[in-house]
C-alpha cells in the first residue's frame, strides 16, 4: 500500500509550490489538484511532471477544480450538457496522460 498526499491539502498554495513542498517532505505518491484552467496548459503540466521526476514522486491521480459541478454535468438527463462536459474534461484526460496519472477523480451524485 502507498500512502500519498494531495496538493489540495496545501490550498490555497499555488499547485506547483504545493507539489514541490510535498516532494521536499519525501512523499512518493501524489494527487495533483488542478485549481484553474491555465494549469491544464502543456507547459504548466510539463513543469509539474519535472517537479515530480526530480523528487521521484508517482502521480497517482489528478483532481479537477470543477468537481463540485460534476454531478450536475455528468449525472444529468440533459444530453447537451453531458456532451459538453465530456468535451470539457478531455483536457483533464490529456493532463492525466501527460503526467502519467491513471486516475481522474470524478464525483458522483449519490
PDB file of N, CA and C in Angstrom:
ATOM      1  N   UNK A   1       0.841  -1.170   0.000  1.00  0.00           N
ATOM      2  CA  UNK A   1       0.000   0.000   0.000  1.00  0.00           C
ATOM      3  C   UNK A   1       0.887   1.235   0.000  1.00  0.00           C
ATOM      4  N   UNK A   2       0.497   2.216  -0.818  1.00  0.00           N
ATOM      5  CA  UNK A   2       1.168   3.509  -0.843  1.00  0.00           C
ATOM      6  C   UNK A   2       0.349   4.519  -0.061  1.00  0.00           C
ATOM      7  N   UNK A   3       1.040   5.360   0.654  1.00  0.00           N
ATOM      8  CA  UNK A   3       0.381   6.480   1.314  1.00  0.00           C
ATOM      9  C   UNK A   3       0.849   7.734   0.600  1.00  0.00           C
ATOM     10  N   UNK A   4      -0.106   8.552   0.197  1.00  0.00           N
ATOM     11  CA  UNK A   4       0.228   9.754  -0.547  1.00  0.00           C
ATOM     12  C   UNK A   4      -0.475  10.966   0.014  1.00  0.00           C
ATOM     13  N   UNK A   5      -0.350  12.036  -0.716  1.00  0.00           N
ATOM     14  CA  UNK A   5      -0.961  13.298  -0.311  1.00  0.00           C
ATOM     15  C   UNK A   5      -1.427  14.041  -1.556  1.00  0.00           C
ATOM     16  N   UNK A   6      -2.443  14.858  -1.389  1.00  0.00           N
ATOM     17  CA  UNK A   6      -2.925  15.699  -2.472  1.00  0.00           C
ATOM     18  C   UNK A   6      -2.375  17.105  -2.310  1.00  0.00           C
ATOM     19  N   UNK A   7      -2.087  17.728  -3.433  1.00  0.00           N
ATOM     20  CA  UNK A   7      -1.664  19.130  -3.364  1.00  0.00           C
ATOM     21  C   UNK A   7      -2.780  19.995  -2.783  1.00  0.00           C
ATOM     22  N   UNK A   8      -4.010  19.506  -2.828  1.00  0.00           N
ATOM     23  CA  UNK A   8      -5.146  20.245  -2.252  1.00  0.00           C
ATOM     24  C   UNK A   8      -4.986  20.435  -0.749  1.00  0.00           C
ATOM     25  N   UNK A   9      -4.219  19.572  -0.112  1.00  0.00           N
ATOM     26  CA  UNK A   9      -4.008  19.698   1.338  1.00  0.00           C
ATOM     27  C   UNK A   9      -3.294  20.995   1.700  1.00  0.00           C
ATOM     28  N   UNK A  10      -2.625  21.590   0.737  1.00  0.00           N
ATOM     29  CA  UNK A  10      -1.884  22.824   0.994  1.00  0.00           C
ATOM     30  C   UNK A  10      -2.563  24.049   0.387  1.00  0.00           C
ATOM     31  N   UNK A  11      -3.803  23.900  -0.040  1.00  0.00           N
ATOM     32  CA  UNK A  11      -4.572  25.009  -0.589  1.00  0.00           C
ATOM     33  C   UNK A  11      -4.699  26.119   0.459  1.00  0.00           C
ATOM     34  N   UNK A  12      -4.524  27.358   0.099  1.00  0.00           N
ATOM     35  CA  UNK A  12      -4.501  27.963  -1.223  1.00  0.00           C
ATOM     36  C   UNK A  12      -3.108  28.161  -1.826  1.00  0.00           C
ATOM     37  N   UNK A  13      -2.132  27.391  -1.399  1.00  0.00           N
ATOM     38  CA  UNK A  13      -0.810  27.472  -2.014  1.00  0.00           C
ATOM     39  C   UNK A  13      -0.936  27.117  -3.495  1.00  0.00           C
ATOM     40  N   UNK A  14      -0.202  27.813  -4.353  1.00  0.00           N
ATOM     41  CA  UNK A  14      -0.246  27.503  -5.781  1.00  0.00           C
ATOM     42  C   UNK A  14       0.173  26.050  -6.008  1.00  0.00           C
ATOM     43  N   UNK A  15      -0.418  25.430  -6.999  1.00  0.00           N
ATOM     44  CA  UNK A  15      -0.257  23.997  -7.234  1.00  0.00           C
ATOM     45  C   UNK A  15       1.202  23.580  -7.346  1.00  0.00           C
ATOM     46  N   UNK A  16       1.988  24.286  -8.131  1.00  0.00           N
ATOM     47  CA  UNK A  16       3.389  23.899  -8.317  1.00  0.00           C
ATOM     48  C   UNK A  16       4.188  24.057  -7.027  1.00  0.00           C
ATOM     49  N   UNK A  17       3.869  25.064  -6.227  1.00  0.00           N
ATOM     50  CA  UNK A  17       4.556  25.254  -4.945  1.00  0.00           C
ATOM     51  C   UNK A  17       4.137  24.171  -3.955  1.00  0.00           C
ATOM     52  N   UNK A  18       2.869  23.818  -3.961  1.00  0.00           N
ATOM     53  CA  UNK A  18       2.386  22.733  -3.100  1.00  0.00           C
ATOM     54  C   UNK A  18       3.055  21.419  -3.488  1.00  0.00           C
ATOM     55  N   UNK A  19       3.181  21.170  -4.777  1.00  0.00           N
ATOM     56  CA  UNK A  19       3.804  19.937  -5.250  1.00  0.00           C
ATOM     57  C   UNK A  19       5.264  19.872  -4.828  1.00  0.00           C
ATOM     58  N   UNK A  20       5.963  20.964  -4.944  1.00  0.00           N
ATOM     59  CA  UNK A  20       7.367  20.990  -4.518  1.00  0.00           C
ATOM     60  C   UNK A  20       7.479  20.792  -3.010  1.00  0.00           C
ATOM     61  N   UNK A  21       6.597  21.386  -2.245  1.00  0.00           N
ATOM     62  CA  UNK A  21       6.589  21.207  -0.789  1.00  0.00           C
ATOM     63  C   UNK A  21       6.383  19.740  -0.436  1.00  0.00           C
ATOM     64  N   UNK A  22       5.436  19.107  -1.102  1.00  0.00           N
ATOM     65  CA  UNK A  22       5.167  17.681  -0.876  1.00  0.00           C
ATOM     66  C   UNK A  22       6.403  16.850  -1.234  1.00  0.00           C
ATOM     67  N   UNK A  23       7.044  17.199  -2.327  1.00  0.00           N
ATOM     68  CA  UNK A  23       8.261  16.490  -2.727  1.00  0.00           C
ATOM     69  C   UNK A  23       9.366  16.611  -1.698  1.00  0.00           C
ATOM     70  N   UNK A  24       9.539  17.797  -1.134  1.00  0.00           N
ATOM     71  CA  UNK A  24      10.560  18.019  -0.112  1.00  0.00           C
ATOM     72  C   UNK A  24      10.285  17.218   1.157  1.00  0.00           C
ATOM     73  N   UNK A  25       9.011  16.873   1.379  1.00  0.00           N
ATOM     74  CA  UNK A  25       8.646  16.057   2.545  1.00  0.00           C
ATOM     75  C   UNK A  25       8.940  14.577   2.336  1.00  0.00           C
ATOM     76  N   UNK A  26       9.305  14.209   1.105  1.00  0.00           N
ATOM     77  CA  UNK A  26       9.647  12.827   0.824  1.00  0.00           C
ATOM     78  C   UNK A  26       8.466  11.948   0.446  1.00  0.00           C
ATOM     79  N   UNK A  27       7.355  12.556   0.119  1.00  0.00           N
ATOM     80  CA  UNK A  27       6.172  11.797  -0.286  1.00  0.00           C
ATOM     81  C   UNK A  27       6.426  11.166  -1.648  1.00  0.00           C
ATOM     82  N   UNK A  28       6.027   9.898  -1.803  1.00  0.00           N
ATOM     83  CA  UNK A  28       6.281   9.222  -3.075  1.00  0.00           C
ATOM     84  C   UNK A  28       5.041   9.100  -3.959  1.00  0.00           C
ATOM     85  N   UNK A  29       3.860   9.270  -3.405  1.00  0.00           N
ATOM     86  CA  UNK A  29       2.614   9.162  -4.172  1.00  0.00           C
ATOM     87  C   UNK A  29       1.815  10.444  -3.990  1.00  0.00           C
ATOM     88  N   UNK A  30       1.340  10.999  -5.103  1.00  0.00           N
ATOM     89  CA  UNK A  30       0.684  12.302  -5.033  1.00  0.00           C
ATOM     90  C   UNK A  30      -0.537  12.373  -5.948  1.00  0.00           C
ATOM     91  N   UNK A  31      -1.542  13.096  -5.459  1.00  0.00           N
ATOM     92  CA  UNK A  31      -2.656  13.518  -6.298  1.00  0.00           C
ATOM     93  C   UNK A  31      -2.443  14.995  -6.567  1.00  0.00           C
ATOM     94  N   UNK A  32      -2.575  15.387  -7.813  1.00  0.00           N
ATOM     95  CA  UNK A  32      -2.453  16.796  -8.160  1.00  0.00           C
ATOM     96  C   UNK A  32      -3.844  17.366  -8.342  1.00  0.00           C
ATOM     97  N   UNK A  33      -4.161  18.359  -7.534  1.00  0.00           N
ATOM     98  CA  UNK A  33      -5.438  19.055  -7.636  1.00  0.00           C
ATOM     99  C   UNK A  33      -5.241  20.219  -8.595  1.00  0.00           C
ATOM    100  N   UNK A  34      -5.947  20.165  -9.720  1.00  0.00           N
ATOM    101  CA  UNK A  34      -5.884  21.235 -10.713  1.00  0.00           C
ATOM    102  C   UNK A  34      -6.824  22.343 -10.243  1.00  0.00           C
ATOM    103  N   UNK A  35      -6.268  23.545  -9.997  1.00  0.00           N
ATOM    104  CA  UNK A  35      -7.028  24.647  -9.405  1.00  0.00           C
ATOM    105  C   UNK A  35      -7.537  25.694 -10.381  1.00  0.00           C
ATOM    106  N   UNK A  36      -7.106  25.644 -11.634  1.00  0.00           N
ATOM    107  CA  UNK A  36      -7.502  26.673 -12.603  1.00  0.00           C
ATOM    108  C   UNK A  36      -7.337  26.128 -14.016  1.00  0.00           C
ATOM    109  N   UNK A  37      -8.101  26.646 -14.966  1.00  0.00           N
ATOM    110  CA  UNK A  37      -7.958  26.183 -16.351  1.00  0.00           C
ATOM    111  C   UNK A  37      -6.540  26.345 -16.902  1.00  0.00           C
ATOM    112  N   UNK A  38      -5.843  27.388 -16.515  1.00  0.00           N
ATOM    113  CA  UNK A  38      -4.486  27.608 -17.026  1.00  0.00           C
ATOM    114  C   UNK A  38      -3.516  26.524 -16.579  1.00  0.00           C
ATOM    115  N   UNK A  39      -3.862  25.794 -15.538  1.00  0.00           N
ATOM    116  CA  UNK A  39      -2.997  24.710 -15.063  1.00  0.00           C
ATOM    117  C   UNK A  39      -3.117  23.464 -15.932  1.00  0.00           C
ATOM    118  N   UNK A  40      -3.959  23.511 -16.940  1.00  0.00           N
ATOM    119  CA  UNK A  40      -4.082  22.411 -17.901  1.00  0.00           C
ATOM    120  C   UNK A  40      -3.246  22.653 -19.153  1.00  0.00           C
ATOM    121  N   UNK A  41      -2.542  23.783 -19.218  1.00  0.00           N
ATOM    122  CA  UNK A  41      -1.670  24.063 -20.363  1.00  0.00           C
ATOM    123  C   UNK A  41      -0.484  23.097 -20.346  1.00  0.00           C
ATOM    124  N   UNK A  42      -0.058  22.709 -21.523  1.00  0.00           N
ATOM    125  CA  UNK A  42       1.028  21.735 -21.651  1.00  0.00           C
ATOM    126  C   UNK A  42       2.293  22.187 -20.944  1.00  0.00           C
ATOM    127  N   UNK A  43       2.680  23.446 -21.085  1.00  0.00           N
ATOM    128  CA  UNK A  43       3.913  23.922 -20.441  1.00  0.00           C
ATOM    129  C   UNK A  43       3.812  23.841 -18.917  1.00  0.00           C
ATOM    130  N   UNK A  44       2.651  24.154 -18.379  1.00  0.00           N
ATOM    131  CA  UNK A  44       2.458  24.075 -16.935  1.00  0.00           C
ATOM    132  C   UNK A  44       2.529  22.621 -16.471  1.00  0.00           C
ATOM    133  N   UNK A  45       1.877  21.736 -17.206  1.00  0.00           N
ATOM    134  CA  UNK A  45       1.872  20.318 -16.847  1.00  0.00           C
ATOM    135  C   UNK A  45       3.273  19.719 -16.921  1.00  0.00           C
ATOM    136  N   UNK A  46       4.038  20.123 -17.918  1.00  0.00           N
ATOM    137  CA  UNK A  46       5.418  19.628 -18.039  1.00  0.00           C
ATOM    138  C   UNK A  46       6.260  20.075 -16.844  1.00  0.00           C
ATOM    139  N   UNK A  47       5.996  21.275 -16.347  1.00  0.00           N
ATOM    140  CA  UNK A  47       6.691  21.748 -15.149  1.00  0.00           C
ATOM    141  C   UNK A  47       6.321  20.889 -13.936  1.00  0.00           C
ATOM    142  N   UNK A  48       5.023  20.556 -13.795  1.00  0.00           N
ATOM    143  CA  UNK A  48       4.603  19.676 -12.697  1.00  0.00           C
ATOM    144  C   UNK A  48       5.276  18.321 -12.806  1.00  0.00           C
ATOM    145  N   UNK A  49       5.344  17.797 -14.018  1.00  0.00           N
ATOM    146  CA  UNK A  49       5.978  16.493 -14.247  1.00  0.00           C
ATOM    147  C   UNK A  49       7.456  16.551 -13.878  1.00  0.00           C
ATOM    148  N   UNK A  50       8.116  17.633 -14.227  1.00  0.00           N
ATOM    149  CA  UNK A  50       9.539  17.790 -13.901  1.00  0.00           C
ATOM    150  C   UNK A  50       9.754  17.821 -12.387  1.00  0.00           C
ATOM    151  N   UNK A  51       8.875  18.488 -11.666  1.00  0.00           N
ATOM    152  CA  UNK A  51       8.963  18.523 -10.200  1.00  0.00           C
ATOM    153  C   UNK A  51       8.817  17.109  -9.650  1.00  0.00           C
ATOM    154  N   UNK A  52       7.834  16.390 -10.151  1.00  0.00           N
ATOM    155  CA  UNK A  52       7.617  15.012  -9.685  1.00  0.00           C
ATOM    156  C   UNK A  52       8.798  14.120 -10.008  1.00  0.00           C
ATOM    157  N   UNK A  53       9.346  14.253 -11.187  1.00  0.00           N
ATOM    158  CA  UNK A  53      10.514  13.450 -11.564  1.00  0.00           C
ATOM    159  C   UNK A  53      11.706  13.770 -10.660  1.00  0.00           C
ATOM    160  N   UNK A  54      11.919  15.048 -10.369  1.00  0.00           N
ATOM    161  CA  UNK A  54      13.045  15.459  -9.526  1.00  0.00           C
ATOM    162  C   UNK A  54      12.958  14.838  -8.130  1.00  0.00           C
ATOM    163  N   UNK A  55      11.748  14.801  -7.581  1.00  0.00           N
ATOM    164  CA  UNK A  55      11.546  14.268  -6.232  1.00  0.00           C
ATOM    165  C   UNK A  55      11.108  12.796  -6.225  1.00  0.00           C
ATOM    166  N   UNK A  56      11.140  12.165  -7.389  1.00  0.00           N
ATOM    167  CA  UNK A  56      10.756  10.755  -7.532  1.00  0.00           C
ATOM    168  C   UNK A  56       9.354  10.478  -6.986  1.00  0.00           C
ATOM    169  N   UNK A  57       8.430  11.374  -7.321  1.00  0.00           N
ATOM    170  CA  UNK A  57       7.039  11.193  -6.904  1.00  0.00           C
ATOM    171  C   UNK A  57       6.244  10.550  -8.035  1.00  0.00           C
ATOM    172  N   UNK A  58       5.376   9.641  -7.681  1.00  0.00           N
ATOM    173  CA  UNK A  58       4.482   8.991  -8.621  1.00  0.00           C
ATOM    174  C   UNK A  58       3.140   9.713  -8.579  1.00  0.00           C
ATOM    175  N   UNK A  59       2.698  10.208  -9.714  1.00  0.00           N
ATOM    176  CA  UNK A  59       1.412  10.896  -9.780  1.00  0.00           C
ATOM    177  C   UNK A  59       0.330   9.834  -9.935  1.00  0.00           C
ATOM    178  N   UNK A  60      -0.452   9.660  -8.902  1.00  0.00           N
ATOM    179  CA  UNK A  60      -1.495   8.643  -8.887  1.00  0.00           C
ATOM    180  C   UNK A  60      -2.761   9.151  -9.566  1.00  0.00           C
ATOM    181  N   UNK A  61      -3.136  10.401  -9.295  1.00  0.00           N
ATOM    182  CA  UNK A  61      -4.405  10.927  -9.788  1.00  0.00           C
ATOM    183  C   UNK A  61      -4.327  12.434  -9.972  1.00  0.00           C
ATOM    184  N   UNK A  62      -5.224  12.921 -10.811  1.00  0.00           N
ATOM    185  CA  UNK A  62      -5.463  14.356 -10.858  1.00  0.00           C
ATOM    186  C   UNK A  62      -6.916  14.584 -10.462  1.00  0.00           C
ATOM    187  N   UNK A  63      -7.154  15.754  -9.895  1.00  0.00           N
ATOM    188  CA  UNK A  63      -8.472  16.080  -9.355  1.00  0.00           C
ATOM    189  C   UNK A  63      -8.895  17.431  -9.915  1.00  0.00           C
ATOM    190  N   UNK A  64      -9.957  17.481 -10.711  1.00  0.00           N
ATOM    191  CA  UNK A  64     -10.406  18.745 -11.300  1.00  0.00           C
ATOM    192  C   UNK A  64     -10.994  19.715 -10.273  1.00  0.00           C
ATOM    193  N   UNK A  65     -10.694  20.982 -10.457  1.00  0.00           N
ATOM    194  CA  UNK A  65     -11.272  22.019  -9.587  1.00  0.00           C
ATOM    195  C   UNK A  65     -12.780  22.119  -9.782  1.00  0.00           C
ATOM    196  N   UNK A  66     -13.261  21.629 -10.896  1.00  0.00           N
ATOM    197  CA  UNK A  66     -14.680  21.716 -11.227  1.00  0.00           C
ATOM    198  C   UNK A  66     -15.494  20.566 -10.647  1.00  0.00           C
ATOM    199  N   UNK A  67     -14.918  19.836  -9.720  1.00  0.00           N
ATOM    200  CA  UNK A  67     -15.573  18.640  -9.179  1.00  0.00           C
ATOM    201  C   UNK A  67     -16.929  18.930  -8.533  1.00  0.00           C
ATOM    202  N   UNK A  68     -17.115  20.118  -8.013  1.00  0.00           N
ATOM    203  CA  UNK A  68     -18.389  20.449  -7.389  1.00  0.00           C
ATOM    204  C   UNK A  68     -19.551  20.456  -8.367  1.00  0.00           C
ATOM    205  N   UNK A  69     -19.243  20.613  -9.645  1.00  0.00           N
ATOM    206  CA  UNK A  69     -20.276  20.635 -10.682  1.00  0.00           C
ATOM    207  C   UNK A  69     -20.461  19.279 -11.363  1.00  0.00           C
ATOM    208  N   UNK A  70     -19.598  18.323 -11.066  1.00  0.00           N
ATOM    209  CA  UNK A  70     -19.646  17.047 -11.792  1.00  0.00           C
ATOM    210  C   UNK A  70     -20.990  16.329 -11.686  1.00  0.00           C
ATOM    211  N   UNK A  71     -21.625  16.278 -10.528  1.00  0.00           N
ATOM    212  CA  UNK A  71     -22.937  15.621 -10.505  1.00  0.00           C
ATOM    213  C   UNK A  71     -23.928  16.287 -11.461  1.00  0.00           C
ATOM    214  N   UNK A  72     -23.866  17.595 -11.538  1.00  0.00           N
ATOM    215  CA  UNK A  72     -24.751  18.371 -12.406  1.00  0.00           C
ATOM    216  C   UNK A  72     -24.406  18.166 -13.884  1.00  0.00           C
ATOM    217  N   UNK A  73     -23.100  17.964 -14.171  1.00  0.00           N
ATOM    218  CA  UNK A  73     -22.654  17.849 -15.558  1.00  0.00           C
ATOM    219  C   UNK A  73     -22.762  16.424 -16.100  1.00  0.00           C
ATOM    220  N   UNK A  74     -22.396  15.444 -15.282  1.00  0.00           N
ATOM    221  CA  UNK A  74     -22.293  14.078 -15.779  1.00  0.00           C
ATOM    222  C   UNK A  74     -23.498  13.197 -15.449  1.00  0.00           C
ATOM    223  N   UNK A  75     -24.177  13.494 -14.390  1.00  0.00           N
ATOM    224  CA  UNK A  75     -25.313  12.671 -13.971  1.00  0.00           C
ATOM    225  C   UNK A  75     -26.599  13.467 -14.192  1.00  0.00           C
ATOM    226  N   UNK A  76     -26.871  13.689 -15.454  1.00  0.00           N
ATOM    227  CA  UNK A  76     -27.959  14.562 -15.870  1.00  0.00           C
ATOM    228  C   UNK A  76     -28.759  13.898 -16.980  1.00  0.00           C
ATOM    229  N   UNK A  77     -29.984  14.286 -17.114  1.00  0.00           N
ATOM    230  CA  UNK A  77     -30.796  13.849 -18.243  1.00  0.00           C
ATOM    231  C   UNK A  77     -30.738  14.856 -19.385  1.00  0.00           C
ATOM    232  N   UNK A  78     -29.970  15.925 -19.177  1.00  0.00           N
ATOM    233  CA  UNK A  78     -29.832  16.946 -20.213  1.00  0.00           C
ATOM    234  C   UNK A  78     -28.628  16.588 -21.069  1.00  0.00           C
ATOM    235  N   UNK A  79     -28.875  15.942 -22.196  1.00  0.00           N
ATOM    236  CA  UNK A  79     -27.827  15.354 -23.037  1.00  0.00           C
ATOM    237  C   UNK A  79     -26.796  16.372 -23.521  1.00  0.00           C
ATOM    238  N   UNK A  80     -27.214  17.551 -23.890  1.00  0.00           N
ATOM    239  CA  UNK A  80     -26.265  18.545 -24.408  1.00  0.00           C
ATOM    240  C   UNK A  80     -25.238  18.929 -23.344  1.00  0.00           C
ATOM    241  N   UNK A  81     -25.705  19.125 -22.107  1.00  0.00           N
ATOM    242  CA  UNK A  81     -24.775  19.469 -21.027  1.00  0.00           C
ATOM    243  C   UNK A  81     -23.802  18.325 -20.780  1.00  0.00           C
ATOM    244  N   UNK A  82     -24.289  17.110 -20.809  1.00  0.00           N
ATOM    245  CA  UNK A  82     -23.426  15.945 -20.635  1.00  0.00           C
ATOM    246  C   UNK A  82     -22.347  15.900 -21.718  1.00  0.00           C
ATOM    247  N   UNK A  83     -22.755  16.079 -22.977  1.00  0.00           N
ATOM    248  CA  UNK A  83     -21.792  16.040 -24.079  1.00  0.00           C
ATOM    249  C   UNK A  83     -20.776  17.177 -23.969  1.00  0.00           C
ATOM    250  N   UNK A  84     -21.238  18.357 -23.591  1.00  0.00           N
ATOM    251  CA  UNK A  84     -20.308  19.483 -23.409  1.00  0.00           C
ATOM    252  C   UNK A  84     -19.323  19.201 -22.281  1.00  0.00           C
ATOM    253  N   UNK A  85     -19.790  18.607 -21.212  1.00  0.00           N
ATOM    254  CA  UNK A  85     -18.907  18.263 -20.091  1.00  0.00           C
ATOM    255  C   UNK A  85     -17.872  17.231 -20.528  1.00  0.00           C
ATOM    256  N   UNK A  86     -18.290  16.263 -21.311  1.00  0.00           N
ATOM    257  CA  UNK A  86     -17.346  15.261 -21.807  1.00  0.00           C
ATOM    258  C   UNK A  86     -16.232  15.936 -22.612  1.00  0.00           C
ATOM    259  N   UNK A  87     -16.606  16.886 -23.452  1.00  0.00           N
ATOM    260  CA  UNK A  87     -15.614  17.621 -24.239  1.00  0.00           C
ATOM    261  C   UNK A  87     -14.722  18.461 -23.333  1.00  0.00           C
ATOM    262  N   UNK A  88     -15.323  19.127 -22.360  1.00  0.00           N
ATOM    263  CA  UNK A  88     -14.563  19.961 -21.430  1.00  0.00           C
ATOM    264  C   UNK A  88     -13.530  19.135 -20.658  1.00  0.00           C
ATOM    265  N   UNK A  89     -13.882  17.928 -20.288  1.00  0.00           N
ATOM    266  CA  UNK A  89     -12.990  17.098 -19.486  1.00  0.00           C
ATOM    267  C   UNK A  89     -11.895  16.418 -20.302  1.00  0.00           C
ATOM    268  N   UNK A  90     -11.930  16.540 -21.627  1.00  0.00           N
ATOM    269  CA  UNK A  90     -10.844  15.995 -22.436  1.00  0.00           C
ATOM    270  C   UNK A  90      -9.502  16.588 -22.030  1.00  0.00           C
ATOM    271  N   UNK A  91      -9.490  17.852 -21.613  1.00  0.00           N
ATOM    272  CA  UNK A  91      -8.247  18.479 -21.150  1.00  0.00           C
ATOM    273  C   UNK A  91      -7.711  17.786 -19.895  1.00  0.00           C
ATOM    274  N   UNK A  92      -8.601  17.354 -19.012  1.00  0.00           N
ATOM    275  CA  UNK A  92      -8.159  16.629 -17.819  1.00  0.00           C
ATOM    276  C   UNK A  92      -7.594  15.255 -18.186  1.00  0.00           C
ATOM    277  N   UNK A  93      -8.230  14.585 -19.136  1.00  0.00           N
ATOM    278  CA  UNK A  93      -7.741  13.268 -19.549  1.00  0.00           C
ATOM    279  C   UNK A  93      -6.376  13.395 -20.219  1.00  0.00           C
ATOM    280  N   UNK A  94      -6.206  14.444 -21.019  1.00  0.00           N
ATOM    281  CA  UNK A  94      -4.912  14.698 -21.652  1.00  0.00           C
ATOM    282  C   UNK A  94      -3.857  15.000 -20.587  1.00  0.00           C
ATOM    283  N   UNK A  95      -4.239  15.787 -19.584  1.00  0.00           N
ATOM    284  CA  UNK A  95      -3.309  16.119 -18.497  1.00  0.00           C
ATOM    285  C   UNK A  95      -2.902  14.855 -17.739  1.00  0.00           C
ATOM    286  N   UNK A  96      -3.856  14.011 -17.440  1.00  0.00           N
ATOM    287  CA  UNK A  96      -3.545  12.761 -16.736  1.00  0.00           C
ATOM    288  C   UNK A  96      -2.577  11.921 -17.553  1.00  0.00           C
ATOM    289  N   UNK A  97      -2.807  11.854 -18.847  1.00  0.00           N
ATOM    290  CA  UNK A  97      -1.926  11.083 -19.714  1.00  0.00           C
ATOM    291  C   UNK A  97      -0.514  11.659 -19.717  1.00  0.00           C
ATOM    292  N   UNK A  98      -0.397  12.965 -19.860  1.00  0.00           N
ATOM    293  CA  UNK A  98       0.915  13.606 -19.873  1.00  0.00           C
ATOM    294  C   UNK A  98       1.652  13.406 -18.550  1.00  0.00           C
ATOM    295  N   UNK A  99       0.918  13.438 -17.449  1.00  0.00           N
ATOM    296  CA  UNK A  99       1.530  13.307 -16.124  1.00  0.00           C
ATOM    297  C   UNK A  99       1.731  11.856 -15.696  1.00  0.00           C
ATOM    298  N   UNK A 100       1.130  10.921 -16.426  1.00  0.00           N
ATOM    299  CA  UNK A 100       1.258   9.514 -16.066  1.00  0.00           C
ATOM    300  C   UNK A 100       0.273   9.067 -14.988  1.00  0.00           C
ATOM    301  N   UNK A 101      -0.748   9.870 -14.733  1.00  0.00           N
ATOM    302  CA  UNK A 101      -1.765   9.516 -13.734  1.00  0.00           C
ATOM    303  C   UNK A 101      -2.763   8.553 -14.367  1.00  0.00           C
ATOM    304  N   UNK A 102      -3.097   7.517 -13.650  1.00  0.00           N
ATOM    305  CA  UNK A 102      -4.069   6.551 -14.150  1.00  0.00           C
ATOM    306  C   UNK A 102      -5.490   6.889 -13.739  1.00  0.00           C
ATOM    307  N   UNK A 103      -5.647   7.876 -12.850  1.00  0.00           N
ATOM    308  CA  UNK A 103      -6.962   8.205 -12.306  1.00  0.00           C
ATOM    309  C   UNK A 103      -7.264   9.684 -12.489  1.00  0.00           C
ATOM    310  N   UNK A 104      -8.474   9.976 -12.961  1.00  0.00           N
ATOM    311  CA  UNK A 104      -9.040  11.322 -12.911  1.00  0.00           C
ATOM    312  C   UNK A 104     -10.219  11.204 -11.946  1.00  0.00           C
ATOM    313  N   UNK A 105     -10.131  11.911 -10.847  1.00  0.00           N
ATOM    314  CA  UNK A 105     -11.153  11.814  -9.808  1.00  0.00           C
ATOM    315  C   UNK A 105     -12.423  12.519 -10.280  1.00  0.00           C
ATOM    316  N   UNK A 106     -13.542  11.809 -10.213  1.00  0.00           N
ATOM    317  CA  UNK A 106     -14.850  12.370 -10.523  1.00  0.00           C
ATOM    318  C   UNK A 106     -15.770  12.139  -9.335  1.00  0.00           C
ATOM    319  N   UNK A 107     -16.669  13.083  -9.106  1.00  0.00           N
ATOM    320  CA  UNK A 107     -17.615  12.978  -8.003  1.00  0.00           C
ATOM    321  C   UNK A 107     -18.999  12.695  -8.548  1.00  0.00           C
ATOM    322  N   UNK A 108     -19.648  11.695  -7.983  1.00  0.00           N
ATOM    323  CA  UNK A 108     -20.979  11.327  -8.424  1.00  0.00           C
ATOM    324  C   UNK A 108     -22.060  12.064  -7.653  1.00  0.00           C
ATOM    325  N   UNK A 109     -23.266  11.785  -8.040  1.00  0.00           N
ATOM    326  CA  UNK A 109     -24.408  12.467  -7.439  1.00  0.00           C
ATOM    327  C   UNK A 109     -24.892  11.782  -6.173  1.00  0.00           C
ATOM    328  N   UNK A 110     -24.764  10.466  -6.119  1.00  0.00           N
ATOM    329  CA  UNK A 110     -25.286   9.733  -4.976  1.00  0.00           C
ATOM    330  C   UNK A 110     -24.226   8.808  -4.431  1.00  0.00           C
TER     331      UNK A 110
END
